[in-house]
Amino acid sequence: QESLTSRRSGGRAKKGGALTFAAFDILYADGRDLRKTPLEERK
């Protein structure tokens, strides 16, 4: 939240606040809709 507030005010993110995308599920890949694929296979 502090990182987002800093961006809104034109500042920079604090040290150690680099953003990461934590991915826990994949719903589409290789031309396939994976939503009906078992979760362990999707992972």
All heavy atoms as atom14 arrays in JSON, in Angstrom:
{
  "sequence": "QESLTSRRSGGRAKKGGALTFAAFDILYADGRDLRKTPLEERK",
  "atom14_mask": [
    [1, 1, 1, 1, 1, 1, 1, 1, 1, 0, 0, 0, 0, 0],
    [1, 1, 1, 1, 1, 1, 1, 1, 1, 0, 0, 0, 0, 0],
    [1, 1, 1, 1, 1, 1, 0, 0, 0, 0, 0, 0, 0, 0],
    [1, 1, 1, 1, 1, 1, 1, 1, 0, 0, 0, 0, 0, 0],
    [1, 1, 1, 1, 1, 1, 1, 0, 0, 0, 0, 0, 0, 0],
    [1, 1, 1, 1, 1, 1, 0, 0, 0, 0, 0, 0, 0, 0],
    [1, 1, 1, 1, 1, 1, 1, 1, 1, 1, 1, 0, 0, 0],
    [1, 1, 1, 1, 1, 1, 1, 1, 1, 1, 1, 0, 0, 0],
    [1, 1, 1, 1, 1, 1, 0, 0, 0, 0, 0, 0, 0, 0],
    [1, 1, 1, 1, 0, 0, 0, 0, 0, 0, 0, 0, 0, 0],
    [1, 1, 1, 1, 0, 0, 0, 0, 0, 0, 0, 0, 0, 0],
    [1, 1, 1, 1, 1, 1, 1, 1, 1, 1, 1, 0, 0, 0],
    [1, 1, 1, 1, 1, 0, 0, 0, 0, 0, 0, 0, 0, 0],
    [1, 1, 1, 1, 1, 1, 1, 1, 1, 0, 0, 0, 0, 0],
    [1, 1, 1, 1, 1, 1, 1, 1, 1, 0, 0, 0, 0, 0],
    [1, 1, 1, 1, 0, 0, 0, 0, 0, 0, 0, 0, 0, 0],
    [1, 1, 1, 1, 0, 0, 0, 0, 0, 0, 0, 0, 0, 0],
    [1, 1, 1, 1, 1, 0, 0, 0, 0, 0, 0, 0, 0, 0],
    [1, 1, 1, 1, 1, 1, 1, 1, 0, 0, 0, 0, 0, 0],
    [1, 1, 1, 1, 1, 1, 1, 0, 0, 0, 0, 0, 0, 0],
    [1, 1, 1, 1, 1, 1, 1, 1, 1, 1, 1, 0, 0, 0],
    [1, 1, 1, 1, 1, 0, 0, 0, 0, 0, 0, 0, 0, 0],
    [1, 1, 1, 1, 1, 0, 0, 0, 0, 0, 0, 0, 0, 0],
    [1, 1, 1, 1, 1, 1, 1, 1, 1, 1, 1, 0, 0, 0],
    [1, 1, 1, 1, 1, 1, 1, 1, 0, 0, 0, 0, 0, 0],
    [1, 1, 1, 1, 1, 1, 1, 1, 0, 0, 0, 0, 0, 0],
    [1, 1, 1, 1, 1, 1, 1, 1, 0, 0, 0, 0, 0, 0],
    [1, 1, 1, 1, 1, 1, 1, 1, 1, 1, 1, 1, 0, 0],
    [1, 1, 1, 1, 1, 0, 0, 0, 0, 0, 0, 0, 0, 0],
    [1, 1, 1, 1, 1, 1, 1, 1, 0, 0, 0, 0, 0, 0],
    [1, 1, 1, 1, 0, 0, 0, 0, 0, 0, 0, 0, 0, 0],
    [1, 1, 1, 1, 1, 1, 1, 1, 1, 1, 1, 0, 0, 0],
    [1, 1, 1, 1, 1, 1, 1, 1, 0, 0, 0, 0, 0, 0],
    [1, 1, 1, 1, 1, 1, 1, 1, 0, 0, 0, 0, 0, 0],
    [1, 1, 1, 1, 1, 1, 1, 1, 1, 1, 1, 0, 0, 0],
    [1, 1, 1, 1, 1, 1, 1, 1, 1, 0, 0, 0, 0, 0],
    [1, 1, 1, 1, 1, 1, 1, 0, 0, 0, 0, 0, 0, 0],
    [1, 1, 1, 1, 1, 1, 1, 0, 0, 0, 0, 0, 0, 0],
    [1, 1, 1, 1, 1, 1, 1, 1, 0, 0, 0, 0, 0, 0],
    [1, 1, 1, 1, 1, 1, 1, 1, 1, 0, 0, 0, 0, 0],
    [1, 1, 1, 1, 1, 1, 1, 1, 1, 0, 0, 0, 0, 0],
    [1, 1, 1, 1, 1, 1, 1, 1, 1, 1, 1, 0, 0, 0],
    [1, 1, 1, 1, 1, 1, 1, 1, 1, 0, 0, 0, 0, 0]
  ],
  "atom14_positions": [
    [[0.83, -1.21, 0.0], [0.0, 0.0, 0.0], [0.86, 1.26, 0.0], [0.54, 2.24, -0.69], [-0.94, -0.01, 1.21], [-2.08, -1.01, 1.08], [-3.01, -0.95, 2.27], [-2.58, -0.95, 3.43], [-4.3, -0.88, 2.01], [0.0, 0.0, 0.0], [0.0, 0.0, 0.0], [0.0, 0.0, 0.0], [0.0, 0.0, 0.0], [0.0, 0.0, 0.0]],
    [[1.94, 1.22, 0.77], [2.85, 2.37, 0.81], [3.48, 2.59, -0.57], [3.69, 3.73, -1.0], [3.94, 2.15, 1.86], [3.43, 2.21, 3.28], [4.49, 1.82, 4.29], [5.58, 1.37, 3.85], [4.26, 1.96, 5.5], [0.0, 0.0, 0.0], [0.0, 0.0, 0.0], [0.0, 0.0, 0.0], [0.0, 0.0, 0.0], [0.0, 0.0, 0.0]],
    [[3.78, 1.5, -1.24], [4.34, 1.58, -2.58], [3.36, 2.24, -3.53], [3.73, 3.1, -4.34], [4.7, 0.18, -3.08], [5.13, 0.21, -4.42], [0.0, 0.0, 0.0], [0.0, 0.0, 0.0], [0.0, 0.0, 0.0], [0.0, 0.0, 0.0], [0.0, 0.0, 0.0], [0.0, 0.0, 0.0], [0.0, 0.0, 0.0], [0.0, 0.0, 0.0]],
    [[2.09, 1.88, -3.42], [1.06, 2.46, -4.27], [0.87, 3.94, -3.95], [0.75, 4.77, -4.86], [-0.25, 1.71, -4.1], [-1.44, 2.17, -4.94], [-1.09, 2.11, -6.43], [-2.66, 1.31, -4.66], [0.0, 0.0, 0.0], [0.0, 0.0, 0.0], [0.0, 0.0, 0.0], [0.0, 0.0, 0.0], [0.0, 0.0, 0.0], [0.0, 0.0, 0.0]],
    [[0.87, 4.28, -2.66], [0.71, 5.68, -2.25], [1.88, 6.52, -2.76], [1.7, 7.65, -3.23], [0.62, 5.78, -0.72], [-0.48, 5.0, -0.26], [0.44, 7.23, -0.29], [0.0, 0.0, 0.0], [0.0, 0.0, 0.0], [0.0, 0.0, 0.0], [0.0, 0.0, 0.0], [0.0, 0.0, 0.0], [0.0, 0.0, 0.0], [0.0, 0.0, 0.0]],
    [[3.08, 5.96, -2.69], [4.27, 6.66, -3.15], [4.19, 6.95, -4.65], [4.56, 8.02, -5.12], [5.52, 5.83, -2.84], [6.68, 6.45, -3.33], [0.0, 0.0, 0.0], [0.0, 0.0, 0.0], [0.0, 0.0, 0.0], [0.0, 0.0, 0.0], [0.0, 0.0, 0.0], [0.0, 0.0, 0.0], [0.0, 0.0, 0.0], [0.0, 0.0, 0.0]],
    [[3.66, 5.99, -5.41], [3.53, 6.18, -6.86], [2.5, 7.27, -7.18], [2.67, 8.05, -8.1], [3.11, 4.86, -7.52], [4.25, 3.85, -7.65], [3.71, 2.48, -8.04], [4.78, 1.56, -8.32], [5.49, 0.93, -7.4], [5.24, 1.15, -6.12], [6.45, 0.1, -7.73], [0.0, 0.0, 0.0], [0.0, 0.0, 0.0], [0.0, 0.0, 0.0]],
    [[1.43, 7.29, -6.41], [0.39, 8.3, -6.63], [0.93, 9.71, -6.41], [0.5, 10.66, -7.06], [-0.79, 8.04, -5.69], [-1.65, 6.85, -6.11], [-2.69, 6.56, -5.05], [-3.59, 5.48, -5.43], [-4.44, 4.9, -4.6], [-4.51, 5.29, -3.33], [-5.22, 3.92, -5.03], [0.0, 0.0, 0.0], [0.0, 0.0, 0.0], [0.0, 0.0, 0.0]],
    [[1.88, 9.83, -5.47], [2.45, 11.15, -5.16], [3.67, 11.46, -6.01], [4.33, 12.47, -5.8], [2.8, 11.22, -3.67], [3.79, 10.25, -3.35], [0.0, 0.0, 0.0], [0.0, 0.0, 0.0], [0.0, 0.0, 0.0], [0.0, 0.0, 0.0], [0.0, 0.0, 0.0], [0.0, 0.0, 0.0], [0.0, 0.0, 0.0], [0.0, 0.0, 0.0]],
    [[3.98, 10.58, -6.96], [5.09, 10.83, -7.86], [6.43, 10.39, -7.33], [7.47, 10.66, -7.93], [0.0, 0.0, 0.0], [0.0, 0.0, 0.0], [0.0, 0.0, 0.0], [0.0, 0.0, 0.0], [0.0, 0.0, 0.0], [0.0, 0.0, 0.0], [0.0, 0.0, 0.0], [0.0, 0.0, 0.0], [0.0, 0.0, 0.0], [0.0, 0.0, 0.0]],
    [[6.44, 9.67, -6.2], [7.69, 9.2, -5.62], [8.05, 7.81, -6.12], [7.43, 7.27, -7.02], [0.0, 0.0, 0.0], [0.0, 0.0, 0.0], [0.0, 0.0, 0.0], [0.0, 0.0, 0.0], [0.0, 0.0, 0.0], [0.0, 0.0, 0.0], [0.0, 0.0, 0.0], [0.0, 0.0, 0.0], [0.0, 0.0, 0.0], [0.0, 0.0, 0.0]],
    [[9.05, 7.22, -5.49], [9.5, 5.89, -5.84], [9.18, 4.91, -4.71], [9.03, 5.3, -3.56], [11.01, 5.88, -6.12], [11.4, 6.69, -7.35], [12.89, 6.55, -7.6], [13.3, 7.26, -8.82], [14.54, 7.27, -9.27], [15.49, 6.64, -8.6], [14.84, 7.92, -10.38], [0.0, 0.0, 0.0], [0.0, 0.0, 0.0], [0.0, 0.0, 0.0]],
    [[9.14, 3.65, -5.08], [8.9, 2.63, -4.06], [10.06, 2.59, -3.08], [11.2, 2.84, -3.44], [8.73, 1.26, -4.73], [0.0, 0.0, 0.0], [0.0, 0.0, 0.0], [0.0, 0.0, 0.0], [0.0, 0.0, 0.0], [0.0, 0.0, 0.0], [0.0, 0.0, 0.0], [0.0, 0.0, 0.0], [0.0, 0.0, 0.0], [0.0, 0.0, 0.0]],
    [[9.77, 2.26, -1.83], [10.82, 2.18, -0.83], [11.74, 1.0, -1.1], [11.37, 0.04, -1.76], [10.19, 2.04, 0.57], [9.41, 3.27, 1.0], [8.89, 3.1, 2.4], [8.15, 4.35, 2.88], [7.65, 4.2, 4.25], [0.0, 0.0, 0.0], [0.0, 0.0, 0.0], [0.0, 0.0, 0.0], [0.0, 0.0, 0.0], [0.0, 0.0, 0.0]],
    [[12.94, 1.07, -0.58], [13.9, -0.01, -0.76], [13.31, -1.29, -0.2], [12.74, -1.32, 0.88], [15.2, 0.33, -0.04], [16.3, -0.7, -0.28], [17.58, -0.28, 0.4], [18.68, -1.31, 0.15], [19.94, -0.93, 0.82], [0.0, 0.0, 0.0], [0.0, 0.0, 0.0], [0.0, 0.0, 0.0], [0.0, 0.0, 0.0], [0.0, 0.0, 0.0]],
    [[13.47, -2.4, -0.95], [12.92, -3.67, -0.54], [11.48, -3.85, -0.95], [10.87, -4.86, -0.64], [0.0, 0.0, 0.0], [0.0, 0.0, 0.0], [0.0, 0.0, 0.0], [0.0, 0.0, 0.0], [0.0, 0.0, 0.0], [0.0, 0.0, 0.0], [0.0, 0.0, 0.0], [0.0, 0.0, 0.0], [0.0, 0.0, 0.0], [0.0, 0.0, 0.0]],
    [[10.91, -2.87, -1.64], [9.51, -2.93, -2.01], [9.27, -3.24, -3.47], [8.22, -2.92, -3.99], [0.0, 0.0, 0.0], [0.0, 0.0, 0.0], [0.0, 0.0, 0.0], [0.0, 0.0, 0.0], [0.0, 0.0, 0.0], [0.0, 0.0, 0.0], [0.0, 0.0, 0.0], [0.0, 0.0, 0.0], [0.0, 0.0, 0.0], [0.0, 0.0, 0.0]],
    [[10.25, -3.82, -4.15], [10.06, -4.2, -5.55], [8.88, -5.16, -5.66], [8.69, -6.03, -4.81], [11.33, -4.84, -6.1], [0.0, 0.0, 0.0], [0.0, 0.0, 0.0], [0.0, 0.0, 0.0], [0.0, 0.0, 0.0], [0.0, 0.0, 0.0], [0.0, 0.0, 0.0], [0.0, 0.0, 0.0], [0.0, 0.0, 0.0], [0.0, 0.0, 0.0]],
    [[8.11, -5.01, -6.72], [6.9, -5.79, -6.85], [7.14, -7.11, -7.56], [8.0, -7.24, -8.43], [5.85, -4.98, -7.61], [5.44, -3.65, -6.97], [4.31, -3.01, -7.76], [5.03, -3.85, -5.52], [0.0, 0.0, 0.0], [0.0, 0.0, 0.0], [0.0, 0.0, 0.0], [0.0, 0.0, 0.0], [0.0, 0.0, 0.0], [0.0, 0.0, 0.0]],
    [[6.36, -8.09, -7.16], [6.43, -9.43, -7.72], [5.01, -9.9, -7.99], [4.08, -9.54, -7.28], [7.11, -10.4, -6.73], [8.41, -9.92, -6.42], [7.21, -11.81, -7.3], [0.0, 0.0, 0.0], [0.0, 0.0, 0.0], [0.0, 0.0, 0.0], [0.0, 0.0, 0.0], [0.0, 0.0, 0.0], [0.0, 0.0, 0.0], [0.0, 0.0, 0.0]],
    [[4.86, -10.71, -9.04], [3.57, -11.34, -9.31], [3.64, -12.78, -8.82], [4.33, -13.6, -9.4], [3.24, -11.29, -10.8], [1.85, -11.78, -11.13], [0.73, -11.05, -10.75], [1.67, -12.96, -11.83], [-0.55, -11.49, -11.06], [0.38, -13.42, -12.15], [-0.72, -12.68, -11.75], [0.0, 0.0, 0.0], [0.0, 0.0, 0.0], [0.0, 0.0, 0.0]],
    [[2.95, -13.06, -7.71], [2.91, -14.41, -7.16], [1.81, -15.19, -7.88], [0.62, -14.91, -7.69], [2.65, -14.37, -5.66], [0.0, 0.0, 0.0], [0.0, 0.0, 0.0], [0.0, 0.0, 0.0], [0.0, 0.0, 0.0], [0.0, 0.0, 0.0], [0.0, 0.0, 0.0], [0.0, 0.0, 0.0], [0.0, 0.0, 0.0], [0.0, 0.0, 0.0]],
    [[2.2, -16.15, -8.7], [1.25, -16.88, -9.54], [0.89, -18.21, -8.89], [1.77, -18.99, -8.54], [1.85, -17.11, -10.92], [0.0, 0.0, 0.0], [0.0, 0.0, 0.0], [0.0, 0.0, 0.0], [0.0, 0.0, 0.0], [0.0, 0.0, 0.0], [0.0, 0.0, 0.0], [0.0, 0.0, 0.0], [0.0, 0.0, 0.0], [0.0, 0.0, 0.0]],
    [[-0.42, -18.47, -8.74], [-0.83, -19.73, -8.11], [-1.76, -20.57, -8.97], [-2.09, -21.7, -8.6], [-1.45, -19.49, -6.73], [-2.48, -18.4, -6.68], [-3.75, -18.58, -7.21], [-2.19, -17.2, -6.07], [-4.7, -17.57, -7.14], [-3.13, -16.19, -5.98], [-4.4, -16.37, -6.54], [0.0, 0.0, 0.0], [0.0, 0.0, 0.0], [0.0, 0.0, 0.0]],
    [[-2.16, -20.07, -10.13], [-3.02, -20.87, -11.0], [-2.9, -20.36, -12.43], [-2.66, -19.17, -12.66], [-4.48, -20.8, -10.55], [-5.33, -21.96, -11.06], [-4.8, -22.8, -11.83], [-6.51, -22.03, -10.7], [0.0, 0.0, 0.0], [0.0, 0.0, 0.0], [0.0, 0.0, 0.0], [0.0, 0.0, 0.0], [0.0, 0.0, 0.0], [0.0, 0.0, 0.0]],
    [[-3.04, -21.27, -13.39], [-3.01, -20.89, -14.8], [-4.31, -21.36, -15.43], [-4.72, -22.52, -15.24], [-1.76, -21.47, -15.5], [-1.6, -20.86, -16.9], [-1.8, -22.98, -15.55], [-0.22, -21.11, -17.52], [0.0, 0.0, 0.0], [0.0, 0.0, 0.0], [0.0, 0.0, 0.0], [0.0, 0.0, 0.0], [0.0, 0.0, 0.0], [0.0, 0.0, 0.0]],
    [[-4.98, -20.47, -16.12], [-6.32, -20.75, -16.63], [-6.35, -20.95, -18.14], [-7.31, -21.52, -18.68], [-7.26, -19.6, -16.24], [-7.23, -19.22, -14.75], [-8.13, -18.03, -14.49], [-7.65, -20.4, -13.89], [0.0, 0.0, 0.0], [0.0, 0.0, 0.0], [0.0, 0.0, 0.0], [0.0, 0.0, 0.0], [0.0, 0.0, 0.0], [0.0, 0.0, 0.0]],
    [[-5.29, -20.49, -18.83], [-5.22, -20.64, -20.27], [-3.76, -20.67, -20.69], [-2.97, -19.84, -20.26], [-5.93, -19.47, -20.97], [-6.03, -19.61, -22.48], [-7.17, -20.14, -23.07], [-4.99, -19.19, -23.3], [-7.26, -20.26, -24.46], [-5.08, -19.32, -24.68], [-6.22, -19.84, -25.25], [-6.31, -19.98, -26.62], [0.0, 0.0, 0.0], [0.0, 0.0, 0.0]],
    [[-3.4, -21.67, -21.52], [-2.03, -21.77, -22.02], [-2.0, -22.74, -23.19], [-2.82, -23.66, -23.27], [-1.07, -22.24, -20.93], [0.0, 0.0, 0.0], [0.0, 0.0, 0.0], [0.0, 0.0, 0.0], [0.0, 0.0, 0.0], [0.0, 0.0, 0.0], [0.0, 0.0, 0.0], [0.0, 0.0, 0.0], [0.0, 0.0, 0.0], [0.0, 0.0, 0.0]],
    [[-1.07, -22.52, -24.1], [-0.88, -23.41, -25.25], [-2.17, -23.61, -26.05], [-2.44, -24.69, -26.56], [-0.33, -24.77, -24.8], [1.0, -24.64, -24.09], [1.8, -23.78, -24.5], [1.24, -25.39, -23.12], [0.0, 0.0, 0.0], [0.0, 0.0, 0.0], [0.0, 0.0, 0.0], [0.0, 0.0, 0.0], [0.0, 0.0, 0.0], [0.0, 0.0, 0.0]],
    [[-2.97, -22.54, -26.11], [-4.21, -22.6, -26.89], [-5.33, -23.36, -26.23], [-6.34, -23.65, -26.87], [0.0, 0.0, 0.0], [0.0, 0.0, 0.0], [0.0, 0.0, 0.0], [0.0, 0.0, 0.0], [0.0, 0.0, 0.0], [0.0, 0.0, 0.0], [0.0, 0.0, 0.0], [0.0, 0.0, 0.0], [0.0, 0.0, 0.0], [0.0, 0.0, 0.0]],
    [[-5.18, -23.68, -24.95], [-6.18, -24.49, -24.25], [-6.79, -23.73, -23.07], [-6.08, -23.08, -22.3], [-5.55, -25.78, -23.73], [-5.04, -26.74, -24.77], [-4.19, -27.82, -24.12], [-4.9, -28.47, -23.03], [-4.3, -29.02, -21.97], [-2.99, -28.96, -21.86], [-5.01, -29.6, -21.03], [0.0, 0.0, 0.0], [0.0, 0.0, 0.0], [0.0, 0.0, 0.0]],
    [[-8.11, -23.83, -22.94], [-8.8, -23.35, -21.76], [-8.64, -24.43, -20.7], [-9.15, -25.54, -20.82], [-10.29, -23.12, -22.09], [-11.04, -22.46, -20.95], [-10.59, -22.58, -19.79], [-12.08, -21.83, -21.21], [0.0, 0.0, 0.0], [0.0, 0.0, 0.0], [0.0, 0.0, 0.0], [0.0, 0.0, 0.0], [0.0, 0.0, 0.0], [0.0, 0.0, 0.0]],
    [[-7.92, -24.11, -19.63], [-7.53, -25.1, -18.63], [-8.44, -25.15, -17.41], [-8.15, -25.89, -16.46], [-6.09, -24.82, -18.16], [-5.01, -24.84, -19.25], [-3.68, -24.36, -18.66], [-4.87, -26.24, -19.84], [0.0, 0.0, 0.0], [0.0, 0.0, 0.0], [0.0, 0.0, 0.0], [0.0, 0.0, 0.0], [0.0, 0.0, 0.0], [0.0, 0.0, 0.0]],
    [[-9.53, -24.43, -17.43], [-10.33, -24.3, -16.21], [-10.96, -25.62, -15.75], [-11.27, -25.77, -14.57], [-11.41, -23.24, -16.42], [-10.84, -21.82, -16.43], [-11.89, -20.78, -16.72], [-12.42, -20.91, -18.09], [-13.4, -20.16, -18.56], [-14.0, -19.26, -17.79], [-13.81, -20.31, -19.82], [0.0, 0.0, 0.0], [0.0, 0.0, 0.0], [0.0, 0.0, 0.0]],
    [[-11.13, -26.57, -16.65], [-11.67, -27.88, -16.27], [-10.57, -28.92, -16.06], [-10.86, -30.08, -15.77], [-12.67, -28.36, -17.32], [-13.92, -27.5, -17.39], [-14.91, -28.06, -18.4], [-16.17, -27.21, -18.45], [-17.16, -27.75, -19.43], [0.0, 0.0, 0.0], [0.0, 0.0, 0.0], [0.0, 0.0, 0.0], [0.0, 0.0, 0.0], [0.0, 0.0, 0.0]],
    [[-9.32, -28.5, -16.2], [-8.17, -29.39, -15.98], [-7.92, -29.5, -14.48], [-8.04, -28.51, -13.75], [-6.93, -28.83, -16.68], [-7.2, -28.67, -18.08], [-5.73, -29.74, -16.51], [0.0, 0.0, 0.0], [0.0, 0.0, 0.0], [0.0, 0.0, 0.0], [0.0, 0.0, 0.0], [0.0, 0.0, 0.0], [0.0, 0.0, 0.0], [0.0, 0.0, 0.0]],
    [[-7.58, -30.68, -13.96], [-7.3, -30.82, -12.52], [-6.26, -29.81, -12.04], [-5.31, -29.49, -12.75], [-6.78, -32.26, -12.41], [-7.42, -32.98, -13.55], [-7.49, -31.97, -14.67], [0.0, 0.0, 0.0], [0.0, 0.0, 0.0], [0.0, 0.0, 0.0], [0.0, 0.0, 0.0], [0.0, 0.0, 0.0], [0.0, 0.0, 0.0], [0.0, 0.0, 0.0]],
    [[-6.44, -29.34, -10.81], [-5.61, -28.28, -10.27], [-4.12, -28.64, -10.26], [-3.27, -27.82, -10.63], [-6.07, -27.91, -8.86], [-5.25, -26.86, -8.12], [-5.2, -25.56, -8.91], [-5.81, -26.61, -6.73], [0.0, 0.0, 0.0], [0.0, 0.0, 0.0], [0.0, 0.0, 0.0], [0.0, 0.0, 0.0], [0.0, 0.0, 0.0], [0.0, 0.0, 0.0]],
    [[-3.79, -29.86, -9.83], [-2.38, -30.23, -9.79], [-1.73, -30.2, -11.17], [-0.57, -29.82, -11.31], [-2.22, -31.62, -9.16], [-2.4, -31.63, -7.65], [-2.12, -32.99, -7.05], [-3.03, -33.83, -7.04], [-0.98, -33.19, -6.58], [0.0, 0.0, 0.0], [0.0, 0.0, 0.0], [0.0, 0.0, 0.0], [0.0, 0.0, 0.0], [0.0, 0.0, 0.0]],
    [[-2.5, -30.57, -12.18], [-1.97, -30.51, -13.55], [-1.79, -29.06, -13.99], [-0.8, -28.71, -14.64], [-2.92, -31.24, -14.5], [-2.4, -31.33, -15.93], [-3.33, -32.11, -16.84], [-4.09, -32.96, -16.34], [-3.29, -31.87, -18.07], [0.0, 0.0, 0.0], [0.0, 0.0, 0.0], [0.0, 0.0, 0.0], [0.0, 0.0, 0.0], [0.0, 0.0, 0.0]],
    [[-2.73, -28.2, -13.62], [-2.61, -26.78, -13.95], [-1.38, -26.18, -13.27], [-0.65, -25.38, -13.87], [-3.86, -26.01, -13.51], [-5.12, -26.37, -14.27], [-6.15, -25.25, -14.22], [-6.45, -24.74, -12.91], [-7.43, -25.21, -12.13], [-8.17, -26.24, -12.51], [-7.66, -24.66, -10.96], [0.0, 0.0, 0.0], [0.0, 0.0, 0.0], [0.0, 0.0, 0.0]],
    [[-1.16, -26.56, -12.02], [0.0, -26.03, -11.29], [1.31, -26.45, -11.96], [2.27, -25.68, -12.03], [-0.02, -26.53, -9.84], [-1.19, -26.0, -9.02], [-0.9, -24.64, -8.43], [0.09, -24.73, -7.31], [0.32, -23.42, -6.66], [0.0, 0.0, 0.0], [0.0, 0.0, 0.0], [0.0, 0.0, 0.0], [0.0, 0.0, 0.0], [0.0, 0.0, 0.0]]
  ]
}
